[in-house]
């Protein structure tokens, strides 16, 4: 299941809340607050980028699974088509050629 925009937003909000929890107890001086604020802001940005990468990765994995499933279906359809072509009496020469090539390999 692909993450929705709503779930992505919730995850980002939770990450921001976690950063705020971690930043509590920081320096109380004004210059220290600015430095602390910058650190928190950088941490939020880093976590946001990581979350974005994780979400993209999840979507790519899901897409890959779908494409693998489609490929397997196509392979089955192709095999069935080739079998039906070779079963056709008009294509006996094709079947004979394949049989001859297989016997040469062994």
C-alpha atoms as a PDB file:
ATOM      1  CA  UNK A   1       0.000   0.000   0.000  1.00  0.00           C
ATOM      2  CA  UNK A   2       1.453   3.356  -1.044  1.00  0.00           C
ATOM      3  CA  UNK A   3       1.714   6.063   1.600  1.00  0.00           C
ATOM      4  CA  UNK A   4      -0.869   8.777   1.108  1.00  0.00           C
ATOM      5  CA  UNK A   5      -0.191  12.492   1.207  1.00  0.00           C
ATOM      6  CA  UNK A   6      -2.046  12.585   4.508  1.00  0.00           C
ATOM      7  CA  UNK A   7       0.115   9.840   6.047  1.00  0.00           C
ATOM      8  CA  UNK A   8       3.279  11.534   4.720  1.00  0.00           C
ATOM      9  CA  UNK A   9       2.195  14.785   6.363  1.00  0.00           C
ATOM     10  CA  UNK A  10       1.463  12.998   9.640  1.00  0.00           C
ATOM     11  CA  UNK A  11       4.893  11.367   9.561  1.00  0.00           C
ATOM     12  CA  UNK A  12       6.551  14.749   9.004  1.00  0.00           C
ATOM     13  CA  UNK A  13       4.578  16.296  11.856  1.00  0.00           C
ATOM     14  CA  UNK A  14       5.623  13.449  14.150  1.00  0.00           C
ATOM     15  CA  UNK A  15       9.253  13.946  13.121  1.00  0.00           C
ATOM     16  CA  UNK A  16       8.982  17.652  13.890  1.00  0.00           C
ATOM     17  CA  UNK A  17       7.441  16.901  17.294  1.00  0.00           C
ATOM     18  CA  UNK A  18      10.297  14.496  18.031  1.00  0.00           C
ATOM     19  CA  UNK A  19      12.873  17.127  17.118  1.00  0.00           C
ATOM     20  CA  UNK A  20      11.138  19.623  19.388  1.00  0.00           C
ATOM     21  CA  UNK A  21      11.133  17.082  22.233  1.00  0.00           C
ATOM     22  CA  UNK A  22      14.847  16.487  21.709  1.00  0.00           C
ATOM     23  CA  UNK A  23      15.626  20.215  21.603  1.00  0.00           C
ATOM     24  CA  UNK A  24      13.974  20.983  24.942  1.00  0.00           C
ATOM     25  CA  UNK A  25      16.440  21.644  27.686  1.00  0.00           C
ATOM     26  CA  UNK A  26      18.693  23.574  25.280  1.00  0.00           C
ATOM     27  CA  UNK A  27      20.688  26.681  26.084  1.00  0.00           C
ATOM     28  CA  UNK A  28      18.560  29.506  27.524  1.00  0.00           C
ATOM     29  CA  UNK A  29      20.763  32.421  26.420  1.00  0.00           C
ATOM     30  CA  UNK A  30      19.596  34.370  23.364  1.00  0.00           C
ATOM     31  CA  UNK A  31      22.640  33.536  21.210  1.00  0.00           C
ATOM     32  CA  UNK A  32      22.372  29.957  22.400  1.00  0.00           C
ATOM     33  CA  UNK A  33      18.692  29.916  21.433  1.00  0.00           C
ATOM     34  CA  UNK A  34      19.559  31.036  17.914  1.00  0.00           C
ATOM     35  CA  UNK A  35      22.209  28.346  17.640  1.00  0.00           C
ATOM     36  CA  UNK A  36      19.851  25.779  19.114  1.00  0.00           C
ATOM     37  CA  UNK A  37      17.090  26.919  16.759  1.00  0.00           C
ATOM     38  CA  UNK A  38      19.444  26.529  13.781  1.00  0.00           C
ATOM     39  CA  UNK A  39      20.400  23.046  14.906  1.00  0.00           C
ATOM     40  CA  UNK A  40      16.773  22.063  15.343  1.00  0.00           C
ATOM     41  CA  UNK A  41      15.883  23.521  11.957  1.00  0.00           C
ATOM     42  CA  UNK A  42      18.744  21.634  10.294  1.00  0.00           C
ATOM     43  CA  UNK A  43      17.698  18.438  12.036  1.00  0.00           C
ATOM     44  CA  UNK A  44      14.104  18.903  10.872  1.00  0.00           C
ATOM     45  CA  UNK A  45      15.295  19.456   7.311  1.00  0.00           C
ATOM     46  CA  UNK A  46      17.513  16.378   7.459  1.00  0.00           C
ATOM     47  CA  UNK A  47      14.704  14.241   8.834  1.00  0.00           C
ATOM     48  CA  UNK A  48      12.334  15.614   6.206  1.00  0.00           C
ATOM     49  CA  UNK A  49      14.783  14.672   3.439  1.00  0.00           C
ATOM     50  CA  UNK A  50      15.282  11.208   4.924  1.00  0.00           C
ATOM     51  CA  UNK A  51      11.542  10.714   5.214  1.00  0.00           C
ATOM     52  CA  UNK A  52      11.092  11.836   1.627  1.00  0.00           C
ATOM     53  CA  UNK A  53      13.736   9.342   0.471  1.00  0.00           C
ATOM     54  CA  UNK A  54      12.118   6.562   2.505  1.00  0.00           C
ATOM     55  CA  UNK A  55       8.698   7.276   1.009  1.00  0.00           C
ATOM     56  CA  UNK A  56      10.122   7.333  -2.520  1.00  0.00           C
ATOM     57  CA  UNK A  57      11.877   4.030  -1.816  1.00  0.00           C
ATOM     58  CA  UNK A  58       8.638   2.441  -0.602  1.00  0.00           C
ATOM     59  CA  UNK A  59       6.850   3.622  -3.741  1.00  0.00           C
ATOM     60  CA  UNK A  60       9.642   2.259  -5.965  1.00  0.00           C
ATOM     61  CA  UNK A  61       9.567  -1.127  -4.223  1.00  0.00           C
ATOM     62  CA  UNK A  62       5.797  -1.306  -4.687  1.00  0.00           C
ATOM     63  CA  UNK A  63       6.119  -0.346  -8.362  1.00  0.00           C
ATOM     64  CA  UNK A  64       8.831  -2.963  -8.814  1.00  0.00           C
ATOM     65  CA  UNK A  65       6.565  -5.664  -7.340  1.00  0.00           C
ATOM     66  CA  UNK A  66       3.768  -4.665  -9.699  1.00  0.00           C
ATOM     67  CA  UNK A  67       6.096  -4.712 -12.703  1.00  0.00           C
ATOM     68  CA  UNK A  68       7.487  -8.116 -11.682  1.00  0.00           C
ATOM     69  CA  UNK A  69       3.947  -9.481 -11.491  1.00  0.00           C
ATOM     70  CA  UNK A  70       3.116  -8.059 -14.935  1.00  0.00           C
ATOM     71  CA  UNK A  71       6.326  -9.516 -16.359  1.00  0.00           C
ATOM     72  CA  UNK A  72       5.483 -12.964 -14.998  1.00  0.00           C
ATOM     73  CA  UNK A  73       2.008 -12.740 -16.579  1.00  0.00           C
ATOM     74  CA  UNK A  74       3.510 -11.702 -19.904  1.00  0.00           C
ATOM     75  CA  UNK A  75       5.948 -14.616 -19.780  1.00  0.00           C
ATOM     76  CA  UNK A  76       3.059 -17.035 -19.189  1.00  0.00           C
ATOM     77  CA  UNK A  77       1.059 -15.527 -22.045  1.00  0.00           C
ATOM     78  CA  UNK A  78       4.080 -15.695 -24.338  1.00  0.00           C
ATOM     79  CA  UNK A  79       4.712 -19.345 -23.483  1.00  0.00           C
ATOM     80  CA  UNK A  80       1.060 -20.201 -24.107  1.00  0.00           C
ATOM     81  CA  UNK A  81       1.139 -18.347 -27.436  1.00  0.00           C
ATOM     82  CA  UNK A  82       4.309 -20.127 -28.602  1.00  0.00           C
ATOM     83  CA  UNK A  83       2.853 -23.481 -27.555  1.00  0.00           C
ATOM     84  CA  UNK A  84      -0.321 -22.797 -29.544  1.00  0.00           C
ATOM     85  CA  UNK A  85       1.697 -21.732 -32.608  1.00  0.00           C
ATOM     86  CA  UNK A  86       3.799 -24.875 -32.426  1.00  0.00           C
ATOM     87  CA  UNK A  87       0.696 -27.054 -31.964  1.00  0.00           C
ATOM     88  CA  UNK A  88      -0.749 -25.733 -35.216  1.00  0.00           C
ATOM     89  CA  UNK A  89      -0.231 -28.398 -37.957  1.00  0.00           C
ATOM     90  CA  UNK A  90       0.657 -25.652 -40.442  1.00  0.00           C
ATOM     91  CA  UNK A  91       3.691 -24.803 -38.314  1.00  0.00           C
ATOM     92  CA  UNK A  92       5.098 -28.317 -38.183  1.00  0.00           C
ATOM     93  CA  UNK A  93       8.301 -27.115 -39.859  1.00  0.00           C
ATOM     94  CA  UNK A  94       8.908 -24.723 -36.928  1.00  0.00           C
ATOM     95  CA  UNK A  95       8.428 -27.509 -34.398  1.00  0.00           C
ATOM     96  CA  UNK A  96      10.757 -29.781 -36.380  1.00  0.00           C
ATOM     97  CA  UNK A  97      13.436 -27.053 -36.540  1.00  0.00           C
ATOM     98  CA  UNK A  98      13.267 -26.531 -32.765  1.00  0.00           C
ATOM     99  CA  UNK A  99      13.441 -30.256 -32.123  1.00  0.00           C
ATOM    100  CA  UNK A 100      16.460 -30.581 -34.417  1.00  0.00           C
ATOM    101  CA  UNK A 101      18.273 -27.686 -32.706  1.00  0.00           C
ATOM    102  CA  UNK A 102      17.623 -29.169 -29.252  1.00  0.00           C
ATOM    103  CA  UNK A 103      19.001 -32.549 -30.305  1.00  0.00           C
ATOM    104  CA  UNK A 104      22.164 -30.899 -31.697  1.00  0.00           C
ATOM    105  CA  UNK A 105      22.850 -29.200 -28.338  1.00  0.00           C
ATOM    106  CA  UNK A 106      22.714 -32.460 -26.380  1.00  0.00           C
END
